[in-house]
Amino acid sequence: IPTAEIQTRFHAPSRHGDALVLTLTGNRVGRKSFTL
């Protein structure tokens, strides 16, 4: 399940001890791929 493409935009820095929550949503399921 390799990553074929990734685009990222950073909005603000995170610091040691911060409690992040990563929210994953599905965008598109192709015949051979999954964009999230």
PDB file of all heavy atoms in Angstrom:
ATOM      1  N   ILE A   1       0.861  -1.179   0.000  1.00  0.00           N
ATOM      2  CA  ILE A   1       0.000   0.000   0.000  1.00  0.00           C
ATOM      3  C   ILE A   1       0.907   1.241   0.000  1.00  0.00           C
ATOM      4  O   ILE A   1       0.890   2.030   0.931  1.00  0.00           O
ATOM      5  CB  ILE A   1      -0.928   0.041   1.237  1.00  0.00           C
ATOM      6  CG1 ILE A   1      -1.609  -1.274   1.511  1.00  0.00           C
ATOM      7  CG2 ILE A   1      -1.958   1.166   1.088  1.00  0.00           C
ATOM      8  CD1 ILE A   1      -2.779  -1.594   0.632  1.00  0.00           C
ATOM      9  N   PRO A   2       1.730   1.425  -1.029  1.00  0.00           N
ATOM     10  CA  PRO A   2       2.613   2.590  -1.020  1.00  0.00           C
ATOM     11  C   PRO A   2       1.860   3.892  -1.282  1.00  0.00           C
ATOM     12  O   PRO A   2       0.792   3.892  -1.898  1.00  0.00           O
ATOM     13  CB  PRO A   2       3.596   2.297  -2.159  1.00  0.00           C
ATOM     14  CG  PRO A   2       2.841   1.413  -3.088  1.00  0.00           C
ATOM     15  CD  PRO A   2       1.935   0.578  -2.210  1.00  0.00           C
ATOM     16  N   THR A   3       2.436   4.969  -0.814  1.00  0.00           N
ATOM     17  CA  THR A   3       1.917   6.302  -1.099  1.00  0.00           C
ATOM     18  C   THR A   3       2.440   6.726  -2.459  1.00  0.00           C
ATOM     19  O   THR A   3       3.645   6.795  -2.678  1.00  0.00           O
ATOM     20  CB  THR A   3       2.371   7.303  -0.014  1.00  0.00           C
ATOM     21  OG1 THR A   3       1.874   6.858   1.248  1.00  0.00           O
ATOM     22  CG2 THR A   3       1.878   8.707  -0.308  1.00  0.00           C
ATOM     23  N   ALA A   4       1.536   7.018  -3.379  1.00  0.00           N
ATOM     24  CA  ALA A   4       1.921   7.426  -4.730  1.00  0.00           C
ATOM     25  C   ALA A   4       2.036   8.946  -4.836  1.00  0.00           C
ATOM     26  O   ALA A   4       2.798   9.452  -5.657  1.00  0.00           O
ATOM     27  CB  ALA A   4       0.906   6.910  -5.750  1.00  0.00           C
ATOM     28  N   GLU A   5       1.265   9.654  -4.017  1.00  0.00           N
ATOM     29  CA  GLU A   5       1.288  11.119  -4.065  1.00  0.00           C
ATOM     30  C   GLU A   5       0.855  11.653  -2.710  1.00  0.00           C
ATOM     31  O   GLU A   5      -0.002  11.058  -2.048  1.00  0.00           O
ATOM     32  CB  GLU A   5       0.336  11.622  -5.149  1.00  0.00           C
ATOM     33  CG  GLU A   5       0.312  13.120  -5.301  1.00  0.00           C
ATOM     34  CD  GLU A   5      -0.587  13.593  -6.428  1.00  0.00           C
ATOM     35  OE1 GLU A   5      -1.241  12.767  -7.083  1.00  0.00           O
ATOM     36  OE2 GLU A   5      -0.640  14.807  -6.641  1.00  0.00           O
ATOM     37  N   ILE A   6       1.451  12.766  -2.307  1.00  0.00           N
ATOM     38  CA  ILE A   6       1.019  13.429  -1.080  1.00  0.00           C
ATOM     39  C   ILE A   6       1.236  14.928  -1.243  1.00  0.00           C
ATOM     40  O   ILE A   6       2.255  15.373  -1.753  1.00  0.00           O
ATOM     41  CB  ILE A   6       1.750  12.869   0.167  1.00  0.00           C
ATOM     42  CG1 ILE A   6       1.109  13.377   1.447  1.00  0.00           C
ATOM     43  CG2 ILE A   6       3.233  13.144   0.114  1.00  0.00           C
ATOM     44  CD1 ILE A   6       1.519  12.619   2.694  1.00  0.00           C
ATOM     45  N   GLN A   7       0.218  15.671  -0.843  1.00  0.00           N
ATOM     46  CA  GLN A   7       0.280  17.131  -0.848  1.00  0.00           C
ATOM     47  C   GLN A   7      -0.036  17.588   0.562  1.00  0.00           C
ATOM     48  O   GLN A   7      -1.009  17.113   1.170  1.00  0.00           O
ATOM     49  CB  GLN A   7      -0.743  17.726  -1.806  1.00  0.00           C
ATOM     50  CG  GLN A   7      -0.549  17.318  -3.236  1.00  0.00           C
ATOM     51  CD  GLN A   7      -1.720  17.766  -4.103  1.00  0.00           C
ATOM     52  OE1 GLN A   7      -2.837  17.939  -3.635  1.00  0.00           O
ATOM     53  NE2 GLN A   7      -1.457  17.932  -5.387  1.00  0.00           N
ATOM     54  N   THR A   8       0.770  18.506   1.067  1.00  0.00           N
ATOM     55  CA  THR A   8       0.588  18.946   2.448  1.00  0.00           C
ATOM     56  C   THR A   8       0.737  20.455   2.544  1.00  0.00           C
ATOM     57  O   THR A   8       1.595  21.040   1.896  1.00  0.00           O
ATOM     58  CB  THR A   8       1.625  18.274   3.372  1.00  0.00           C
ATOM     59  OG1 THR A   8       1.574  16.866   3.169  1.00  0.00           O
ATOM     60  CG2 THR A   8       1.360  18.581   4.828  1.00  0.00           C
ATOM     61  N   ARG A   9      -0.112  21.042   3.364  1.00  0.00           N
ATOM     62  CA  ARG A   9       0.003  22.469   3.664  1.00  0.00           C
ATOM     63  C   ARG A   9       0.082  22.602   5.181  1.00  0.00           C
ATOM     64  O   ARG A   9      -0.779  22.106   5.909  1.00  0.00           O
ATOM     65  CB  ARG A   9      -1.200  23.227   3.130  1.00  0.00           C
ATOM     66  CG  ARG A   9      -1.154  24.670   3.544  1.00  0.00           C
ATOM     67  CD  ARG A   9      -1.812  25.572   2.579  1.00  0.00           C
ATOM     68  NE  ARG A   9      -1.582  26.916   3.078  1.00  0.00           N
ATOM     69  CZ  ARG A   9      -1.308  27.913   2.310  1.00  0.00           C
ATOM     70  NH1 ARG A   9      -1.208  27.727   1.025  1.00  0.00           N
ATOM     71  NH2 ARG A   9      -1.143  29.108   2.804  1.00  0.00           N
ATOM     72  N   PHE A  10       1.155  23.240   5.629  1.00  0.00           N
ATOM     73  CA  PHE A  10       1.379  23.447   7.055  1.00  0.00           C
ATOM     74  C   PHE A  10       0.823  24.808   7.455  1.00  0.00           C
ATOM     75  O   PHE A  10       1.131  25.825   6.832  1.00  0.00           O
ATOM     76  CB  PHE A  10       2.874  23.351   7.369  1.00  0.00           C
ATOM     77  CG  PHE A  10       3.478  22.046   6.931  1.00  0.00           C
ATOM     78  CD1 PHE A  10       4.218  21.961   5.753  1.00  0.00           C
ATOM     79  CD2 PHE A  10       3.284  20.885   7.667  1.00  0.00           C
ATOM     80  CE1 PHE A  10       4.766  20.759   5.334  1.00  0.00           C
ATOM     81  CE2 PHE A  10       3.821  19.676   7.249  1.00  0.00           C
ATOM     82  CZ  PHE A  10       4.563  19.623   6.082  1.00  0.00           C
ATOM     83  N   HIS A  11      -0.005  24.822   8.500  1.00  0.00           N
ATOM     84  CA  HIS A  11      -0.679  26.057   8.902  1.00  0.00           C
ATOM     85  C   HIS A  11      -0.094  26.677  10.159  1.00  0.00           C
ATOM     86  O   HIS A  11      -0.090  27.906  10.289  1.00  0.00           O
ATOM     87  CB  HIS A  11      -2.174  25.793   9.103  1.00  0.00           C
ATOM     88  CG  HIS A  11      -2.866  25.442   7.825  1.00  0.00           C
ATOM     89  ND1 HIS A  11      -3.455  26.386   7.028  1.00  0.00           N
ATOM     90  CD2 HIS A  11      -3.036  24.251   7.194  1.00  0.00           C
ATOM     91  CE1 HIS A  11      -3.972  25.797   5.952  1.00  0.00           C
ATOM     92  NE2 HIS A  11      -3.733  24.505   6.039  1.00  0.00           N
ATOM     93  N   ALA A  12       0.369  25.856  11.089  1.00  0.00           N
ATOM     94  CA  ALA A  12       0.925  26.366  12.339  1.00  0.00           C
ATOM     95  C   ALA A  12       1.870  25.312  12.916  1.00  0.00           C
ATOM     96  O   ALA A  12       1.663  24.112  12.705  1.00  0.00           O
ATOM     97  CB  ALA A  12      -0.188  26.685  13.336  1.00  0.00           C
ATOM     98  N   PRO A  13       2.895  25.739  13.645  1.00  0.00           N
ATOM     99  CA  PRO A  13       3.832  24.768  14.223  1.00  0.00           C
ATOM    100  C   PRO A  13       3.211  24.003  15.389  1.00  0.00           C
ATOM    101  O   PRO A  13       2.300  24.494  16.063  1.00  0.00           O
ATOM    102  CB  PRO A  13       4.998  25.632  14.693  1.00  0.00           C
ATOM    103  CG  PRO A  13       4.412  26.981  14.922  1.00  0.00           C
ATOM    104  CD  PRO A  13       3.285  27.117  13.938  1.00  0.00           C
ATOM    105  N   SER A  14       3.723  22.808  15.595  1.00  0.00           N
ATOM    106  CA  SER A  14       3.359  22.010  16.763  1.00  0.00           C
ATOM    107  C   SER A  14       4.598  21.893  17.634  1.00  0.00           C
ATOM    108  O   SER A  14       5.719  21.825  17.136  1.00  0.00           O
ATOM    109  CB  SER A  14       2.878  20.617  16.335  1.00  0.00           C
ATOM    110  OG  SER A  14       1.706  20.717  15.563  1.00  0.00           O
ATOM    111  N   ARG A  15       4.364  21.838  18.929  1.00  0.00           N
ATOM    112  CA  ARG A  15       5.471  21.814  19.886  1.00  0.00           C
ATOM    113  C   ARG A  15       5.421  20.553  20.750  1.00  0.00           C
ATOM    114  O   ARG A  15       4.375  19.939  20.907  1.00  0.00           O
ATOM    115  CB  ARG A  15       5.421  23.057  20.766  1.00  0.00           C
ATOM    116  CG  ARG A  15       5.499  24.338  19.945  1.00  0.00           C
ATOM    117  CD  ARG A  15       5.617  25.586  20.803  1.00  0.00           C
ATOM    118  NE  ARG A  15       5.532  26.789  20.004  1.00  0.00           N
ATOM    119  CZ  ARG A  15       6.454  27.225  19.150  1.00  0.00           C
ATOM    120  NH1 ARG A  15       7.553  26.531  18.990  1.00  0.00           N
ATOM    121  NH2 ARG A  15       6.280  28.330  18.458  1.00  0.00           N
ATOM    122  N   HIS A  16       6.583  20.236  21.305  1.00  0.00           N
ATOM    123  CA  HIS A  16       6.715  19.085  22.190  1.00  0.00           C
ATOM    124  C   HIS A  16       5.617  19.131  23.251  1.00  0.00           C
ATOM    125  O   HIS A  16       5.422  20.130  23.916  1.00  0.00           O
ATOM    126  CB  HIS A  16       8.112  19.121  22.830  1.00  0.00           C
ATOM    127  CG  HIS A  16       8.448  17.909  23.607  1.00  0.00           C
ATOM    128  ND1 HIS A  16       9.486  17.856  24.477  1.00  0.00           N
ATOM    129  CD2 HIS A  16       7.894  16.674  23.644  1.00  0.00           C
ATOM    130  CE1 HIS A  16       9.571  16.661  25.026  1.00  0.00           C
ATOM    131  NE2 HIS A  16       8.607  15.928  24.530  1.00  0.00           N
ATOM    132  N   GLY A  17       4.873  18.033  23.368  1.00  0.00           N
ATOM    133  CA  GLY A  17       3.798  17.928  24.351  1.00  0.00           C
ATOM    134  C   GLY A  17       2.413  18.237  23.830  1.00  0.00           C
ATOM    135  O   GLY A  17       1.427  17.930  24.499  1.00  0.00           O
ATOM    136  N   ASP A  18       2.320  18.856  22.641  1.00  0.00           N
ATOM    137  CA  ASP A  18       0.998  19.156  22.079  1.00  0.00           C
ATOM    138  C   ASP A  18       0.210  17.861  21.851  1.00  0.00           C
ATOM    139  O   ASP A  18       0.775  16.837  21.478  1.00  0.00           O
ATOM    140  CB  ASP A  18       1.110  19.890  20.738  1.00  0.00           C
ATOM    141  CG  ASP A  18       1.462  21.358  20.872  1.00  0.00           C
ATOM    142  OD1 ASP A  18       1.494  21.872  22.015  1.00  0.00           O
ATOM    143  OD2 ASP A  18       1.711  22.005  19.826  1.00  0.00           O
ATOM    144  N   ALA A  19      -1.092  17.946  22.056  1.00  0.00           N
ATOM    145  CA  ALA A  19      -1.988  16.812  21.813  1.00  0.00           C
ATOM    146  C   ALA A  19      -2.693  17.048  20.482  1.00  0.00           C
ATOM    147  O   ALA A  19      -3.661  17.807  20.407  1.00  0.00           O
ATOM    148  CB  ALA A  19      -2.997  16.683  22.945  1.00  0.00           C
ATOM    149  N   LEU A  20      -2.181  16.408  19.442  1.00  0.00           N
ATOM    150  CA  LEU A  20      -2.774  16.530  18.118  1.00  0.00           C
ATOM    151  C   LEU A  20      -3.859  15.476  17.934  1.00  0.00           C
ATOM    152  O   LEU A  20      -3.809  14.411  18.547  1.00  0.00           O
ATOM    153  CB  LEU A  20      -1.720  16.327  17.026  1.00  0.00           C
ATOM    154  CG  LEU A  20      -0.490  17.227  17.042  1.00  0.00           C
ATOM    155  CD1 LEU A  20       0.433  16.854  15.895  1.00  0.00           C
ATOM    156  CD2 LEU A  20      -0.881  18.687  16.978  1.00  0.00           C
ATOM    157  N   VAL A  21      -4.792  15.777  17.051  1.00  0.00           N
ATOM    158  CA  VAL A  21      -5.750  14.785  16.577  1.00  0.00           C
ATOM    159  C   VAL A  21      -5.688  14.821  15.054  1.00  0.00           C
ATOM    160  O   VAL A  21      -5.918  15.873  14.449  1.00  0.00           O
ATOM    161  CB  VAL A  21      -7.186  15.059  17.066  1.00  0.00           C
ATOM    162  CG1 VAL A  21      -8.159  14.067  16.442  1.00  0.00           C
ATOM    163  CG2 VAL A  21      -7.258  15.011  18.585  1.00  0.00           C
ATOM    164  N   LEU A  22      -5.335  13.687  14.465  1.00  0.00           N
ATOM    165  CA  LEU A  22      -5.343  13.550  13.013  1.00  0.00           C
ATOM    166  C   LEU A  22      -6.684  12.947  12.630  1.00  0.00           C
ATOM    167  O   LEU A  22      -7.082  11.916  13.176  1.00  0.00           O
ATOM    168  CB  LEU A  22      -4.205  12.657  12.533  1.00  0.00           C
ATOM    169  CG  LEU A  22      -2.816  13.312  12.443  1.00  0.00           C
ATOM    170  CD1 LEU A  22      -2.245  13.610  13.808  1.00  0.00           C
ATOM    171  CD2 LEU A  22      -1.870  12.440  11.656  1.00  0.00           C
ATOM    172  N   THR A  23      -7.382  13.614  11.728  1.00  0.00           N
ATOM    173  CA  THR A  23      -8.688  13.161  11.265  1.00  0.00           C
ATOM    174  C   THR A  23      -8.555  12.715   9.821  1.00  0.00           C
ATOM    175  O   THR A  23      -8.215  13.519   8.952  1.00  0.00           O
ATOM    176  CB  THR A  23      -9.731  14.289  11.379  1.00  0.00           C
ATOM    177  OG1 THR A  23      -9.782  14.721  12.741  1.00  0.00           O
ATOM    178  CG2 THR A  23     -11.098  13.810  10.923  1.00  0.00           C
ATOM    179  N   LEU A  24      -8.787  11.429   9.573  1.00  0.00           N
ATOM    180  CA  LEU A  24      -8.681  10.843   8.242  1.00  0.00           C
ATOM    181  C   LEU A  24     -10.082  10.688   7.662  1.00  0.00           C
ATOM    182  O   LEU A  24     -10.958  10.103   8.305  1.00  0.00           O
ATOM    183  CB  LEU A  24      -7.979   9.485   8.324  1.00  0.00           C
ATOM    184  CG  LEU A  24      -7.694   8.739   7.026  1.00  0.00           C
ATOM    185  CD1 LEU A  24      -6.479   7.822   7.210  1.00  0.00           C
ATOM    186  CD2 LEU A  24      -8.865   7.934   6.520  1.00  0.00           C
ATOM    187  N   THR A  25     -10.278  11.217   6.453  1.00  0.00           N
ATOM    188  CA  THR A  25     -11.528  11.016   5.730  1.00  0.00           C
ATOM    189  C   THR A  25     -11.203  10.494   4.340  1.00  0.00           C
ATOM    190  O   THR A  25     -10.162  10.819   3.764  1.00  0.00           O
ATOM    191  CB  THR A  25     -12.347  12.322   5.614  1.00  0.00           C
ATOM    192  OG1 THR A  25     -11.533  13.333   5.020  1.00  0.00           O
ATOM    193  CG2 THR A  25     -12.845  12.786   6.964  1.00  0.00           C
ATOM    194  N   GLY A  26     -12.082   9.670   3.825  1.00  0.00           N
ATOM    195  CA  GLY A  26     -11.908   9.142   2.475  1.00  0.00           C
ATOM    196  C   GLY A  26     -12.371  10.155   1.451  1.00  0.00           C
ATOM    197  O   GLY A  26     -13.407  10.801   1.623  1.00  0.00           O
ATOM    198  N   ASN A  27     -11.604  10.310   0.404  1.00  0.00           N
ATOM    199  CA  ASN A  27     -11.948  11.254  -0.653  1.00  0.00           C
ATOM    200  C   ASN A  27     -12.466  10.524  -1.883  1.00  0.00           C
ATOM    201  O   ASN A  27     -13.503  10.849  -2.417  1.00  0.00           O
ATOM    202  CB  ASN A  27     -10.719  12.114  -0.978  1.00  0.00           C
ATOM    203  CG  ASN A  27     -10.986  13.151  -2.021  1.00  0.00           C
ATOM    204  OD1 ASN A  27     -11.104  12.830  -3.201  1.00  0.00           O
ATOM    205  ND2 ASN A  27     -11.082  14.396  -1.593  1.00  0.00           N
ATOM    206  N   ARG A  28     -11.706   9.499  -2.327  1.00  0.00           N
ATOM    207  CA  ARG A  28     -12.078   8.771  -3.551  1.00  0.00           C
ATOM    208  C   ARG A  28     -11.465   7.376  -3.525  1.00  0.00           C
ATOM    209  O   ARG A  28     -10.291   7.219  -3.203  1.00  0.00           O
ATOM    210  CB  ARG A  28     -11.570   9.527  -4.773  1.00  0.00           C
ATOM    211  CG  ARG A  28     -11.880   8.858  -6.086  1.00  0.00           C
ATOM    212  CD  ARG A  28     -11.254   9.625  -7.264  1.00  0.00           C
ATOM    213  NE  ARG A  28     -11.359   8.854  -8.481  1.00  0.00           N
ATOM    214  CZ  ARG A  28     -10.551   7.862  -8.832  1.00  0.00           C
ATOM    215  NH1 ARG A  28      -9.558   7.510  -8.066  1.00  0.00           N
ATOM    216  NH2 ARG A  28     -10.730   7.208  -9.959  1.00  0.00           N
ATOM    217  N   VAL A  29     -12.271   6.395  -3.877  1.00  0.00           N
ATOM    218  CA  VAL A  29     -11.782   5.027  -4.035  1.00  0.00           C
ATOM    219  C   VAL A  29     -11.769   4.725  -5.526  1.00  0.00           C
ATOM    220  O   VAL A  29     -12.816   4.748  -6.181  1.00  0.00           O
ATOM    221  CB  VAL A  29     -12.676   4.000  -3.309  1.00  0.00           C
ATOM    222  CG1 VAL A  29     -12.103   2.589  -3.474  1.00  0.00           C
ATOM    223  CG2 VAL A  29     -12.815   4.354  -1.840  1.00  0.00           C
ATOM    224  N   GLY A  30     -10.582   4.461  -6.053  1.00  0.00           N
ATOM    225  CA  GLY A  30     -10.462   4.062  -7.447  1.00  0.00           C
ATOM    226  C   GLY A  30     -10.340   2.553  -7.548  1.00  0.00           C
ATOM    227  O   GLY A  30     -10.366   1.837  -6.545  1.00  0.00           O
ATOM    228  N   ARG A  31     -10.173   2.072  -8.750  1.00  0.00           N
ATOM    229  CA  ARG A  31     -10.035   0.629  -8.958  1.00  0.00           C
ATOM    230  C   ARG A  31      -8.772   0.092  -8.288  1.00  0.00           C
ATOM    231  O   ARG A  31      -8.763  -1.007  -7.738  1.00  0.00           O
ATOM    232  CB  ARG A  31      -9.998   0.338 -10.460  1.00  0.00           C
ATOM    233  CG  ARG A  31     -10.286  -1.091 -10.810  1.00  0.00           C
ATOM    234  CD  ARG A  31     -10.534  -1.260 -12.298  1.00  0.00           C
ATOM    235  NE  ARG A  31      -9.336  -1.163 -13.102  1.00  0.00           N
ATOM    236  CZ  ARG A  31      -8.510  -2.182 -13.348  1.00  0.00           C
ATOM    237  NH1 ARG A  31      -8.767  -3.365 -12.862  1.00  0.00           N
ATOM    238  NH2 ARG A  31      -7.439  -2.019 -14.091  1.00  0.00           N
ATOM    239  N   LYS A  32      -7.679   0.903  -8.298  1.00  0.00           N
ATOM    240  CA  LYS A  32      -6.401   0.482  -7.735  1.00  0.00           C
ATOM    241  C   LYS A  32      -5.857   1.468  -6.698  1.00  0.00           C
ATOM    242  O   LYS A  32      -4.756   1.269  -6.183  1.00  0.00           O
ATOM    243  CB  LYS A  32      -5.356   0.347  -8.845  1.00  0.00           C
ATOM    244  CG  LYS A  32      -5.698  -0.654  -9.924  1.00  0.00           C
ATOM    245  CD  LYS A  32      -4.613  -0.653 -10.989  1.00  0.00           C
ATOM    246  CE  LYS A  32      -4.922  -1.630 -12.108  1.00  0.00           C
ATOM    247  NZ  LYS A  32      -3.820  -1.667 -13.103  1.00  0.00           N
ATOM    248  N   SER A  33      -6.586   2.529  -6.416  1.00  0.00           N
ATOM    249  CA  SER A  33      -6.066   3.577  -5.534  1.00  0.00           C
ATOM    250  C   SER A  33      -7.119   4.051  -4.539  1.00  0.00           C
ATOM    251  O   SER A  33      -8.308   3.795  -4.693  1.00  0.00           O
ATOM    252  CB  SER A  33      -5.567   4.763  -6.364  1.00  0.00           C
ATOM    253  OG  SER A  33      -6.648   5.368  -7.041  1.00  0.00           O
ATOM    254  N   PHE A  34      -6.639   4.764  -3.530  1.00  0.00           N
ATOM    255  CA  PHE A  34      -7.492   5.351  -2.504  1.00  0.00           C
ATOM    256  C   PHE A  34      -6.912   6.710  -2.161  1.00  0.00           C
ATOM    257  O   PHE A  34      -5.757   6.815  -1.752  1.00  0.00           O
ATOM    258  CB  PHE A  34      -7.533   4.443  -1.267  1.00  0.00           C
ATOM    259  CG  PHE A  34      -8.283   5.006  -0.081  1.00  0.00           C
ATOM    260  CD1 PHE A  34      -9.574   5.489  -0.209  1.00  0.00           C
ATOM    261  CD2 PHE A  34      -7.705   5.011   1.173  1.00  0.00           C
ATOM    262  CE1 PHE A  34     -10.276   5.985   0.888  1.00  0.00           C
ATOM    263  CE2 PHE A  34      -8.390   5.491   2.276  1.00  0.00           C
ATOM    264  CZ  PHE A  34      -9.676   5.979   2.132  1.00  0.00           C
ATOM    265  N   THR A  35      -7.704   7.756  -2.358  1.00  0.00           N
ATOM    266  CA  THR A  35      -7.270   9.100  -2.005  1.00  0.00           C
ATOM    267  C   THR A  35      -7.956   9.494  -0.707  1.00  0.00           C
ATOM    268  O   THR A  35      -9.169   9.348  -0.565  1.00  0.00           O
ATOM    269  CB  THR A  35      -7.605  10.108  -3.121  1.00  0.00           C
ATOM    270  OG1 THR A  35      -6.955   9.675  -4.319  1.00  0.00           O
ATOM    271  CG2 THR A  35      -7.127  11.504  -2.775  1.00  0.00           C
ATOM    272  N   LEU A  36      -7.150   9.964   0.242  1.00  0.00           N
ATOM    273  CA  LEU A  36      -7.658  10.312   1.556  1.00  0.00           C
ATOM    274  C   LEU A  36      -7.174  11.696   1.944  1.00  0.00           C
ATOM    275  O   LEU A  36      -6.183  12.196   1.419  1.00  0.00           O
ATOM    276  CB  LEU A  36      -7.220   9.270   2.589  1.00  0.00           C
ATOM    277  CG  LEU A  36      -5.715   9.030   2.710  1.00  0.00           C
ATOM    278  CD1 LEU A  36      -5.119   9.845   3.837  1.00  0.00           C
ATOM    279  CD2 LEU A  36      -5.446   7.553   2.926  1.00  0.00           C
TER     280      LEU A  36
END
